[in-house]
Amino acid sequence: MNARAVHDFLAGLQERIVAALEAEDGQRFRVDAWKRPEGGGGETRVLEEGGLFERAGVNVSRVRGAALPPSASASRPQLAGRAYDAMGLSLVLHPRNPYCPTVHLNVRFFSAGDTWWFGGGMDLTPCYGFADDARHFHAACRDALAPFGADYHARYKRWCDEYFFLKHRAEPRGIGGIFFDDLADKDFDHCFGLTRSVGEHFLPAYLPIVQRRKATPYGERERAFQAYRRARYVEFNLVYDRGTLFGLQSGGRTESILVSMPPRAAWRYDWKPEAGSPEEDLYREFLIAKDWI
């Protein structure tokens, strides 16, 4: 196990992703380094009211603590109360144009004593669905996992579909991608290599979609629907997301944890999309479990 190598990779990945997003947006990220009294710290990079992104957060953190919080030890009761070392990169991008999808990436590493595991994934949340975008994103997810074993993609795609699901709404958050946790297969190098590949496939998975859609004209109707769909994102993050819960339960830095929230969201009472509309198409054709490739 080499935790230093993992952290160095995460910091380098943050640099590469931020540089690519700044080139696409035209504005610079604010850099906010922070320390945690209980141990560790991180660097939050935030872009708000940019040319392309209404909000973008790309965070790297390394947090140490005396006892694993409930969100991390629920599936590992034997580790409850153990000291831990947790590090990861997490990003959420909220473009202003409703035709550009929101996207999430996370890659992380936990250790507690001599026990360690990796986790992560990426998923796409469009307001207006395009089959070409869905196929491209899912193909990149498949390609990230292919060198490591034939069964990973199908398993991690299914896990993503099941995890990013709002049970109280009976609908998925978006069109999925891949999600994994508790990865400790074979040996450290195998697991680190797989996690590294997921992180390195993010930009090829996402940037071509944004480049295709960022000039699409839109108006108040599309912005209103975007705000409505963003509210679902908020609901998931605050009710179900394990990363958000871990951050809050472990006494993490609130600003860095909640930078994943969209800058604007709206709830409408019992709203239904108009029959035959592009908004209805999202529900009918995209917010369903589907094998896109």
C-alpha atoms as a PDB file:
ATOM      1  CA  MET A   1       0.000   0.000   0.000  1.00  0.00           C
ATOM      2  CA  ASN A   2       1.337   3.430  -0.978  1.00  0.00           C
ATOM      3  CA  ALA A   3      -0.980   6.200   0.217  1.00  0.00           C
ATOM      4  CA  ARG A   4       1.509   8.884  -0.846  1.00  0.00           C
ATOM      5  CA  ALA A   5       1.340   7.718  -4.472  1.00  0.00           C
ATOM      6  CA  VAL A   6      -2.460   7.883  -4.371  1.00  0.00           C
ATOM      7  CA  HIS A   7      -2.450  11.423  -3.016  1.00  0.00           C
ATOM      8  CA  ASP A   8       0.130  12.543  -5.588  1.00  0.00           C
ATOM      9  CA  PHE A   9      -2.073  11.134  -8.348  1.00  0.00           C
ATOM     10  CA  LEU A  10      -5.157  12.922  -7.002  1.00  0.00           C
ATOM     11  CA  ALA A  11      -3.351  16.264  -6.806  1.00  0.00           C
ATOM     12  CA  GLY A  12      -2.022  15.866 -10.341  1.00  0.00           C
ATOM     13  CA  LEU A  13      -5.437  14.878 -11.661  1.00  0.00           C
ATOM     14  CA  GLN A  14      -6.951  17.983 -10.087  1.00  0.00           C
ATOM     15  CA  GLU A  15      -4.349  20.133 -11.867  1.00  0.00           C
ATOM     16  CA  ARG A  16      -5.044  18.548 -15.259  1.00  0.00           C
ATOM     17  CA  ILE A  17      -8.827  18.713 -14.969  1.00  0.00           C
ATOM     18  CA  VAL A  18      -8.843  22.323 -13.766  1.00  0.00           C
ATOM     19  CA  ALA A  19      -6.520  23.396 -16.588  1.00  0.00           C
ATOM     20  CA  ALA A  20      -8.774  21.754 -19.186  1.00  0.00           C
ATOM     21  CA  LEU A  21     -11.949  23.288 -17.710  1.00  0.00           C
ATOM     22  CA  GLU A  22     -10.375  26.750 -17.550  1.00  0.00           C
ATOM     23  CA  ALA A  23      -9.421  26.466 -21.221  1.00  0.00           C
ATOM     24  CA  GLU A  24     -13.003  25.535 -22.075  1.00  0.00           C
ATOM     25  CA  ASP A  25     -14.656  28.168 -19.868  1.00  0.00           C
ATOM     26  CA  GLY A  26     -12.292  31.111 -20.324  1.00  0.00           C
ATOM     27  CA  GLN A  27     -12.227  31.973 -16.616  1.00  0.00           C
ATOM     28  CA  ARG A  28      -9.968  30.873 -13.771  1.00  0.00           C
ATOM     29  CA  PHE A  29     -10.828  28.783 -10.730  1.00  0.00           C
ATOM     30  CA  ARG A  30     -10.510  30.246  -7.262  1.00  0.00           C
ATOM     31  CA  VAL A  31      -8.050  28.225  -5.159  1.00  0.00           C
ATOM     32  CA  ASP A  32      -9.010  27.706  -1.514  1.00  0.00           C
ATOM     33  CA  ALA A  33      -6.568  25.639   0.559  1.00  0.00           C
ATOM     34  CA  TRP A  34      -7.722  24.561   4.022  1.00  0.00           C
ATOM     35  CA  LYS A  35      -6.561  22.632   7.069  1.00  0.00           C
ATOM     36  CA  ARG A  36      -8.591  20.391   9.345  1.00  0.00           C
ATOM     37  CA  PRO A  37      -7.867  20.657  13.097  1.00  0.00           C
ATOM     38  CA  GLU A  38      -8.439  16.928  13.629  1.00  0.00           C
ATOM     39  CA  GLY A  39      -5.929  16.073  10.913  1.00  0.00           C
ATOM     40  CA  GLY A  40      -5.497  16.626   7.206  1.00  0.00           C
ATOM     41  CA  GLY A  41      -6.859  19.227   4.830  1.00  0.00           C
ATOM     42  CA  GLY A  42      -7.347  19.851   1.172  1.00  0.00           C
ATOM     43  CA  GLU A  43      -7.687  22.242  -1.698  1.00  0.00           C
ATOM     44  CA  THR A  44     -11.045  23.338  -3.053  1.00  0.00           C
ATOM     45  CA  ARG A  45     -11.087  24.877  -6.512  1.00  0.00           C
ATOM     46  CA  VAL A  46     -14.243  26.706  -7.475  1.00  0.00           C
ATOM     47  CA  LEU A  47     -15.447  28.549 -10.561  1.00  0.00           C
ATOM     48  CA  GLU A  48     -18.709  30.495 -10.354  1.00  0.00           C
ATOM     49  CA  GLU A  49     -20.552  32.539 -12.990  1.00  0.00           C
ATOM     50  CA  GLY A  50     -18.094  31.503 -15.669  1.00  0.00           C
ATOM     51  CA  GLY A  51     -18.493  31.644 -19.400  1.00  0.00           C
ATOM     52  CA  LEU A  52     -19.608  28.013 -19.541  1.00  0.00           C
ATOM     53  CA  PHE A  53     -20.021  26.832 -15.944  1.00  0.00           C
ATOM     54  CA  GLU A  54     -22.496  28.439 -13.592  1.00  0.00           C
ATOM     55  CA  ARG A  55     -20.691  26.542 -10.844  1.00  0.00           C
ATOM     56  CA  ALA A  56     -17.820  24.076 -10.969  1.00  0.00           C
ATOM     57  CA  GLY A  57     -16.072  22.549  -7.982  1.00  0.00           C
ATOM     58  CA  VAL A  58     -12.981  20.329  -8.196  1.00  0.00           C
ATOM     59  CA  ASN A  59     -11.837  19.258  -4.722  1.00  0.00           C
ATOM     60  CA  VAL A  60      -8.987  17.199  -3.360  1.00  0.00           C
ATOM     61  CA  SER A  61      -8.906  16.317   0.330  1.00  0.00           C
ATOM     62  CA  ARG A  62      -7.057  14.064   2.727  1.00  0.00           C
ATOM     63  CA  VAL A  63      -8.738  13.622   6.084  1.00  0.00           C
ATOM     64  CA  ARG A  64      -7.499  11.686   9.096  1.00  0.00           C
ATOM     65  CA  GLY A  65      -9.598  10.858  12.123  1.00  0.00           C
ATOM     66  CA  ALA A  66      -9.683   8.821  15.300  1.00  0.00           C
ATOM     67  CA  ALA A  67     -12.842   6.855  14.443  1.00  0.00           C
ATOM     68  CA  LEU A  68     -14.587   6.011  11.182  1.00  0.00           C
ATOM     69  CA  PRO A  69     -17.989   7.761  10.936  1.00  0.00           C
ATOM     70  CA  PRO A  70     -21.169   5.670  10.496  1.00  0.00           C
ATOM     71  CA  SER A  71     -21.384   6.259   6.725  1.00  0.00           C
ATOM     72  CA  ALA A  72     -18.009   4.542   6.238  1.00  0.00           C
ATOM     73  CA  SER A  73     -18.290   1.782   8.829  1.00  0.00           C
ATOM     74  CA  ALA A  74     -21.903   0.654   8.212  1.00  0.00           C
ATOM     75  CA  SER A  75     -20.765  -2.143   5.880  1.00  0.00           C
ATOM     76  CA  ARG A  76     -17.627  -2.815   7.934  1.00  0.00           C
ATOM     77  CA  PRO A  77     -18.750  -3.060  11.564  1.00  0.00           C
ATOM     78  CA  GLN A  78     -15.403  -4.611  12.507  1.00  0.00           C
ATOM     79  CA  LEU A  79     -13.747  -1.253  11.723  1.00  0.00           C
ATOM     80  CA  ALA A  80     -16.095   0.895  13.824  1.00  0.00           C
ATOM     81  CA  GLY A  81     -14.086   3.140  16.086  1.00  0.00           C
ATOM     82  CA  ARG A  82     -10.821   2.592  14.186  1.00  0.00           C
ATOM     83  CA  ALA A  83      -8.529   5.443  13.142  1.00  0.00           C
ATOM     84  CA  TYR A  84      -8.672   6.154   9.418  1.00  0.00           C
ATOM     85  CA  ASP A  85      -7.012   7.981   6.534  1.00  0.00           C
ATOM     86  CA  ALA A  86      -9.364   9.044   3.705  1.00  0.00           C
ATOM     87  CA  MET A  87      -8.419  10.892   0.540  1.00  0.00           C
ATOM     88  CA  GLY A  88     -10.151  11.636  -2.706  1.00  0.00           C
ATOM     89  CA  LEU A  89     -10.919  13.883  -5.614  1.00  0.00           C
ATOM     90  CA  SER A  90     -14.532  14.923  -6.094  1.00  0.00           C
ATOM     91  CA  LEU A  91     -15.960  17.210  -8.734  1.00  0.00           C
ATOM     92  CA  VAL A  92     -19.382  18.406  -9.811  1.00  0.00           C
ATOM     93  CA  LEU A  93     -19.869  20.675 -12.830  1.00  0.00           C
ATOM     94  CA  HIS A  94     -23.088  22.634 -13.364  1.00  0.00           C
ATOM     95  CA  PRO A  95     -23.066  24.314 -16.809  1.00  0.00           C
ATOM     96  CA  ARG A  96     -25.323  27.310 -17.397  1.00  0.00           C
ATOM     97  CA  ASN A  97     -26.664  26.057 -20.742  1.00  0.00           C
ATOM     98  CA  PRO A  98     -29.472  23.536 -20.007  1.00  0.00           C
ATOM     99  CA  TYR A  99     -28.371  21.463 -23.004  1.00  0.00           C
ATOM    100  CA  CYS A 100     -24.994  20.810 -21.360  1.00  0.00           C
ATOM    101  CA  PRO A 101     -25.339  18.067 -18.731  1.00  0.00           C
ATOM    102  CA  THR A 102     -24.267  18.198 -15.116  1.00  0.00           C
ATOM    103  CA  VAL A 103     -21.512  15.701 -14.370  1.00  0.00           C
ATOM    104  CA  HIS A 104     -19.975  14.146 -11.260  1.00  0.00           C
ATOM    105  CA  LEU A 105     -16.649  12.370 -10.757  1.00  0.00           C
ATOM    106  CA  ASN A 106     -15.201  10.875  -7.604  1.00  0.00           C
ATOM    107  CA  VAL A 107     -12.111   8.756  -6.990  1.00  0.00           C
ATOM    108  CA  ARG A 108     -11.148   7.935  -3.408  1.00  0.00           C
ATOM    109  CA  PHE A 109      -9.007   5.777  -1.137  1.00  0.00           C
ATOM    110  CA  PHE A 110      -9.629   4.736   2.471  1.00  0.00           C
ATOM    111  CA  SER A 111      -7.374   2.950   4.909  1.00  0.00           C
ATOM    112  CA  ALA A 112      -8.013   1.898   8.503  1.00  0.00           C
ATOM    113  CA  GLY A 113      -5.160   0.007  10.087  1.00  0.00           C
ATOM    114  CA  ASP A 114      -4.104  -2.701   7.636  1.00  0.00           C
ATOM    115  CA  THR A 115      -7.462  -2.586   5.800  1.00  0.00           C
ATOM    116  CA  TRP A 116      -7.761  -0.456   2.643  1.00  0.00           C
ATOM    117  CA  TRP A 117     -10.147  -0.003  -0.269  1.00  0.00           C
ATOM    118  CA  PHE A 118     -10.787   2.224  -3.280  1.00  0.00           C
ATOM    119  CA  GLY A 119     -14.026   3.684  -4.585  1.00  0.00           C
ATOM    120  CA  GLY A 120     -15.320   6.118  -7.146  1.00  0.00           C
ATOM    121  CA  GLY A 121     -17.077   6.525 -10.464  1.00  0.00           C
ATOM    122  CA  MET A 122     -18.616   9.123 -12.732  1.00  0.00           C
ATOM    123  CA  ASP A 123     -22.174   9.789 -13.822  1.00  0.00           C
ATOM    124  CA  LEU A 124     -23.993  12.136 -16.189  1.00  0.00           C
ATOM    125  CA  THR A 125     -27.160  14.100 -15.393  1.00  0.00           C
ATOM    126  CA  PRO A 126     -28.694  15.796 -18.450  1.00  0.00           C
ATOM    127  CA  CYS A 127     -31.759  18.030 -18.487  1.00  0.00           C
ATOM    128  CA  TYR A 128     -32.255  17.383 -22.198  1.00  0.00           C
ATOM    129  CA  GLY A 129     -31.199  13.963 -23.396  1.00  0.00           C
ATOM    130  CA  PHE A 130     -29.197  13.110 -26.508  1.00  0.00           C
ATOM    131  CA  ALA A 131     -28.534   9.488 -27.397  1.00  0.00           C
ATOM    132  CA  ASP A 132     -25.140  10.338 -28.948  1.00  0.00           C
ATOM    133  CA  ASP A 133     -24.018  11.918 -25.675  1.00  0.00           C
ATOM    134  CA  ALA A 134     -25.221   8.962 -23.627  1.00  0.00           C
ATOM    135  CA  ARG A 135     -23.442   6.455 -25.867  1.00  0.00           C
ATOM    136  CA  HIS A 136     -20.224   8.464 -25.804  1.00  0.00           C
ATOM    137  CA  PHE A 137     -20.171   8.816 -22.017  1.00  0.00           C
ATOM    138  CA  HIS A 138     -20.943   5.163 -21.351  1.00  0.00           C
ATOM    139  CA  ALA A 139     -18.366   4.021 -23.922  1.00  0.00           C
ATOM    140  CA  ALA A 140     -15.689   6.049 -22.108  1.00  0.00           C
ATOM    141  CA  CYS A 141     -16.715   4.415 -18.816  1.00  0.00           C
ATOM    142  CA  ARG A 142     -16.426   0.992 -20.441  1.00  0.00           C
ATOM    143  CA  ASP A 143     -13.013   1.836 -21.878  1.00  0.00           C
ATOM    144  CA  ALA A 144     -11.741   2.961 -18.474  1.00  0.00           C
ATOM    145  CA  LEU A 145     -12.470  -0.461 -16.978  1.00  0.00           C
ATOM    146  CA  ALA A 146     -11.776  -2.783 -19.912  1.00  0.00           C
ATOM    147  CA  PRO A 147      -8.049  -3.404 -19.227  1.00  0.00           C
ATOM    148  CA  PHE A 148      -8.787  -4.653 -15.708  1.00  0.00           C
ATOM    149  CA  GLY A 149     -11.322  -7.407 -16.292  1.00  0.00           C
ATOM    150  CA  ALA A 150     -14.261  -8.271 -18.519  1.00  0.00           C
ATOM    151  CA  ASP A 151     -16.897  -8.141 -15.798  1.00  0.00           C
ATOM    152  CA  TYR A 152     -16.168  -4.766 -14.194  1.00  0.00           C
ATOM    153  CA  HIS A 153     -18.153  -2.523 -16.538  1.00  0.00           C
ATOM    154  CA  ALA A 154     -21.445  -4.410 -16.395  1.00  0.00           C
ATOM    155  CA  ARG A 155     -21.168  -4.705 -12.615  1.00  0.00           C
ATOM    156  CA  TYR A 156     -20.217  -1.063 -11.995  1.00  0.00           C
ATOM    157  CA  LYS A 157     -22.800   0.266 -14.462  1.00  0.00           C
ATOM    158  CA  ARG A 158     -25.525  -1.662 -12.657  1.00  0.00           C
ATOM    159  CA  TRP A 159     -24.208  -0.430  -9.303  1.00  0.00           C
ATOM    160  CA  CYS A 160     -24.362   3.149 -10.590  1.00  0.00           C
ATOM    161  CA  ASP A 161     -27.950   2.730 -11.798  1.00  0.00           C
ATOM    162  CA  GLU A 162     -28.927   1.358  -8.393  1.00  0.00           C
ATOM    163  CA  TYR A 163     -26.972   3.869  -6.326  1.00  0.00           C
ATOM    164  CA  PHE A 164     -27.946   7.127  -8.067  1.00  0.00           C
ATOM    165  CA  PHE A 165     -31.653   6.450  -7.653  1.00  0.00           C
ATOM    166  CA  LEU A 166     -34.092   8.636  -5.729  1.00  0.00           C
ATOM    167  CA  LYS A 167     -36.236   6.067  -3.966  1.00  0.00           C
ATOM    168  CA  HIS A 168     -38.783   8.633  -2.796  1.00  0.00           C
ATOM    169  CA  ARG A 169     -39.249   9.771  -6.425  1.00  0.00           C
ATOM    170  CA  ALA A 170     -38.905   6.306  -7.979  1.00  0.00           C
ATOM    171  CA  GLU A 171     -36.585   7.747 -10.630  1.00  0.00           C
ATOM    172  CA  PRO A 172     -32.850   7.799 -11.371  1.00  0.00           C
ATOM    173  CA  ARG A 173     -30.853  10.976 -10.865  1.00  0.00           C
ATOM    174  CA  GLY A 174     -29.556  10.882 -14.431  1.00  0.00           C
ATOM    175  CA  ILE A 175     -28.396   8.441 -17.099  1.00  0.00           C
ATOM    176  CA  GLY A 176     -25.740   6.821 -14.916  1.00  0.00           C
ATOM    177  CA  GLY A 177     -22.201   5.812 -15.721  1.00  0.00           C
ATOM    178  CA  ILE A 178     -20.164   3.713 -13.299  1.00  0.00           C
ATOM    179  CA  PHE A 179     -19.941   3.496  -9.517  1.00  0.00           C
ATOM    180  CA  PHE A 180     -17.858   1.273  -7.264  1.00  0.00           C
ATOM    181  CA  ASP A 181     -16.850   1.013  -3.636  1.00  0.00           C
ATOM    182  CA  ASP A 182     -15.000  -1.423  -1.357  1.00  0.00           C
ATOM    183  CA  LEU A 183     -12.577  -2.251  -4.182  1.00  0.00           C
ATOM    184  CA  ALA A 184      -9.782  -4.442  -2.827  1.00  0.00           C
ATOM    185  CA  ASP A 185      -9.493  -7.061  -5.602  1.00  0.00           C
ATOM    186  CA  LYS A 186      -6.241  -8.905  -6.313  1.00  0.00           C
ATOM    187  CA  ASP A 187      -3.720  -6.404  -4.953  1.00  0.00           C
ATOM    188  CA  PHE A 188      -3.085  -2.705  -4.369  1.00  0.00           C
ATOM    189  CA  ASP A 189      -1.548  -2.035  -7.789  1.00  0.00           C
ATOM    190  CA  HIS A 190      -4.520  -3.556  -9.610  1.00  0.00           C
ATOM    191  CA  CYS A 191      -7.031  -1.503  -7.641  1.00  0.00           C
ATOM    192  CA  PHE A 192      -5.019   1.704  -7.864  1.00  0.00           C
ATOM    193  CA  GLY A 193      -4.604   1.213 -11.610  1.00  0.00           C
ATOM    194  CA  LEU A 194      -8.348   0.782 -12.110  1.00  0.00           C
ATOM    195  CA  THR A 195      -9.170   3.843 -10.009  1.00  0.00           C
ATOM    196  CA  ARG A 196      -6.516   5.878 -11.808  1.00  0.00           C
ATOM    197  CA  SER A 197      -7.960   4.865 -15.187  1.00  0.00           C
ATOM    198  CA  VAL A 198     -11.435   6.038 -14.152  1.00  0.00           C
ATOM    199  CA  GLY A 199     -10.033   9.452 -13.207  1.00  0.00           C
ATOM    200  CA  GLU A 200      -8.021   9.752 -16.402  1.00  0.00           C
ATOM    201  CA  HIS A 201     -11.013   8.909 -18.607  1.00  0.00           C
ATOM    202  CA  PHE A 202     -13.134  11.736 -17.194  1.00  0.00           C
ATOM    203  CA  LEU A 203     -12.095  14.525 -19.566  1.00  0.00           C
ATOM    204  CA  PRO A 204     -12.446  12.359 -22.715  1.00  0.00           C
ATOM    205  CA  ALA A 205     -15.857  11.255 -21.456  1.00  0.00           C
ATOM    206  CA  TYR A 206     -17.242  14.712 -20.734  1.00  0.00           C
ATOM    207  CA  LEU A 207     -15.553  17.492 -22.730  1.00  0.00           C
ATOM    208  CA  PRO A 208     -16.703  16.358 -26.197  1.00  0.00           C
ATOM    209  CA  ILE A 209     -20.315  16.468 -24.968  1.00  0.00           C
ATOM    210  CA  VAL A 210     -19.958  20.019 -23.651  1.00  0.00           C
ATOM    211  CA  GLN A 211     -18.226  21.119 -26.852  1.00  0.00           C
ATOM    212  CA  ARG A 212     -21.128  19.713 -28.892  1.00  0.00           C
ATOM    213  CA  ARG A 213     -23.884  21.363 -26.827  1.00  0.00           C
ATOM    214  CA  LYS A 214     -22.540  24.625 -25.402  1.00  0.00           C
ATOM    215  CA  ALA A 215     -23.697  26.802 -28.319  1.00  0.00           C
ATOM    216  CA  THR A 216     -27.253  25.393 -28.411  1.00  0.00           C
ATOM    217  CA  PRO A 217     -29.737  28.287 -28.055  1.00  0.00           C
ATOM    218  CA  TYR A 218     -32.031  28.217 -25.026  1.00  0.00           C
ATOM    219  CA  GLY A 219     -34.603  30.409 -23.299  1.00  0.00           C
ATOM    220  CA  GLU A 220     -36.562  30.775 -20.078  1.00  0.00           C
ATOM    221  CA  ARG A 221     -38.461  27.500 -20.618  1.00  0.00           C
ATOM    222  CA  GLU A 222     -35.235  25.499 -20.689  1.00  0.00           C
ATOM    223  CA  ARG A 223     -33.764  27.363 -17.724  1.00  0.00           C
ATOM    224  CA  ALA A 224     -36.931  26.731 -15.693  1.00  0.00           C
ATOM    225  CA  PHE A 225     -36.775  23.010 -16.455  1.00  0.00           C
ATOM    226  CA  GLN A 226     -33.078  22.973 -15.595  1.00  0.00           C
ATOM    227  CA  ALA A 227     -33.834  24.495 -12.188  1.00  0.00           C
ATOM    228  CA  TYR A 228     -36.557  21.882 -11.637  1.00  0.00           C
ATOM    229  CA  ARG A 229     -34.218  19.012 -12.507  1.00  0.00           C
ATOM    230  CA  ARG A 230     -31.425  20.478 -10.396  1.00  0.00           C
ATOM    231  CA  ALA A 231     -33.721  20.205  -7.380  1.00  0.00           C
ATOM    232  CA  ARG A 232     -33.597  16.425  -7.831  1.00  0.00           C
ATOM    233  CA  TYR A 233     -29.811  16.663  -7.664  1.00  0.00           C
ATOM    234  CA  VAL A 234     -30.053  18.507  -4.364  1.00  0.00           C
ATOM    235  CA  GLU A 235     -32.466  15.920  -2.970  1.00  0.00           C
ATOM    236  CA  PHE A 236     -30.158  13.047  -3.800  1.00  0.00           C
ATOM    237  CA  ASN A 237     -27.033  14.697  -2.402  1.00  0.00           C
ATOM    238  CA  LEU A 238     -28.652  15.621   0.899  1.00  0.00           C
ATOM    239  CA  VAL A 239     -30.653  12.438   1.453  1.00  0.00           C
ATOM    240  CA  TYR A 240     -28.623   9.583  -0.023  1.00  0.00           C
ATOM    241  CA  ASP A 241     -25.106  10.506  -1.112  1.00  0.00           C
ATOM    242  CA  ARG A 242     -22.533   8.665   1.003  1.00  0.00           C
ATOM    243  CA  GLY A 243     -19.755  11.125   0.197  1.00  0.00           C
ATOM    244  CA  THR A 244     -21.803  14.069   1.432  1.00  0.00           C
ATOM    245  CA  LEU A 245     -22.824  12.159   4.550  1.00  0.00           C
ATOM    246  CA  PHE A 246     -19.245  11.078   5.245  1.00  0.00           C
ATOM    247  CA  GLY A 247     -18.020  14.655   4.929  1.00  0.00           C
ATOM    248  CA  LEU A 248     -20.643  16.024   7.288  1.00  0.00           C
ATOM    249  CA  GLN A 249     -20.376  13.168   9.799  1.00  0.00           C
ATOM    250  CA  SER A 250     -16.581  13.384   9.899  1.00  0.00           C
ATOM    251  CA  GLY A 251     -16.616  17.112  10.653  1.00  0.00           C
ATOM    252  CA  GLY A 252     -15.469  18.006   7.171  1.00  0.00           C
ATOM    253  CA  ARG A 253     -15.346  21.488   5.712  1.00  0.00           C
ATOM    254  CA  THR A 254     -18.953  22.398   4.925  1.00  0.00           C
ATOM    255  CA  GLU A 255     -18.188  24.836   2.086  1.00  0.00           C
ATOM    256  CA  SER A 256     -16.126  22.202   0.278  1.00  0.00           C
ATOM    257  CA  ILE A 257     -18.747  19.486   0.799  1.00  0.00           C
ATOM    258  CA  LEU A 258     -21.705  21.564  -0.390  1.00  0.00           C
ATOM    259  CA  VAL A 259     -19.963  23.157  -3.378  1.00  0.00           C
ATOM    260  CA  SER A 260     -21.526  20.242  -5.287  1.00  0.00           C
ATOM    261  CA  MET A 261     -24.913  21.946  -5.019  1.00  0.00           C
ATOM    262  CA  PRO A 262     -26.219  23.885  -8.023  1.00  0.00           C
ATOM    263  CA  PRO A 263     -26.332  27.670  -7.617  1.00  0.00           C
ATOM    264  CA  ARG A 264     -30.035  27.750  -8.508  1.00  0.00           C
ATOM    265  CA  ALA A 265     -32.742  25.109  -8.127  1.00  0.00           C
ATOM    266  CA  ALA A 266     -36.540  25.150  -7.964  1.00  0.00           C
ATOM    267  CA  TRP A 267     -39.288  22.885  -6.666  1.00  0.00           C
ATOM    268  CA  ARG A 268     -42.725  22.862  -8.312  1.00  0.00           C
ATOM    269  CA  TYR A 269     -45.738  21.197  -6.787  1.00  0.00           C
ATOM    270  CA  ASP A 270     -46.868  18.073  -8.683  1.00  0.00           C
ATOM    271  CA  TRP A 271     -45.470  19.314 -11.991  1.00  0.00           C
ATOM    272  CA  LYS A 272     -45.799  17.093 -15.083  1.00  0.00           C
ATOM    273  CA  PRO A 273     -44.111  17.621 -18.463  1.00  0.00           C
ATOM    274  CA  GLU A 274     -46.253  18.422 -21.472  1.00  0.00           C
ATOM    275  CA  ALA A 275     -47.070  15.371 -23.601  1.00  0.00           C
ATOM    276  CA  GLY A 276     -44.741  15.067 -26.579  1.00  0.00           C
ATOM    277  CA  SER A 277     -42.354  17.732 -25.287  1.00  0.00           C
ATOM    278  CA  PRO A 278     -38.548  17.485 -25.040  1.00  0.00           C
ATOM    279  CA  GLU A 279     -39.004  17.565 -21.271  1.00  0.00           C
ATOM    280  CA  GLU A 280     -41.216  14.483 -21.392  1.00  0.00           C
ATOM    281  CA  ASP A 281     -38.642  12.839 -23.642  1.00  0.00           C
ATOM    282  CA  LEU A 282     -36.087  13.008 -20.825  1.00  0.00           C
ATOM    283  CA  TYR A 283     -38.354  10.914 -18.605  1.00  0.00           C
ATOM    284  CA  ARG A 284     -39.527   8.543 -21.315  1.00  0.00           C
ATOM    285  CA  GLU A 285     -36.219   7.828 -23.079  1.00  0.00           C
ATOM    286  CA  PHE A 286     -33.382   8.696 -20.695  1.00  0.00           C
ATOM    287  CA  LEU A 287     -34.391   8.388 -17.044  1.00  0.00           C
ATOM    288  CA  ILE A 288     -34.629   4.636 -17.391  1.00  0.00           C
ATOM    289  CA  ALA A 289     -32.082   1.865 -16.932  1.00  0.00           C
ATOM    290  CA  LYS A 290     -30.705   1.173 -20.413  1.00  0.00           C
ATOM    291  CA  ASP A 291     -27.674  -0.441 -22.017  1.00  0.00           C
ATOM    292  CA  TRP A 292     -26.459   2.523 -24.063  1.00  0.00           C
ATOM    293  CA  ILE A 293     -23.618   0.674 -25.762  1.00  0.00           C
END
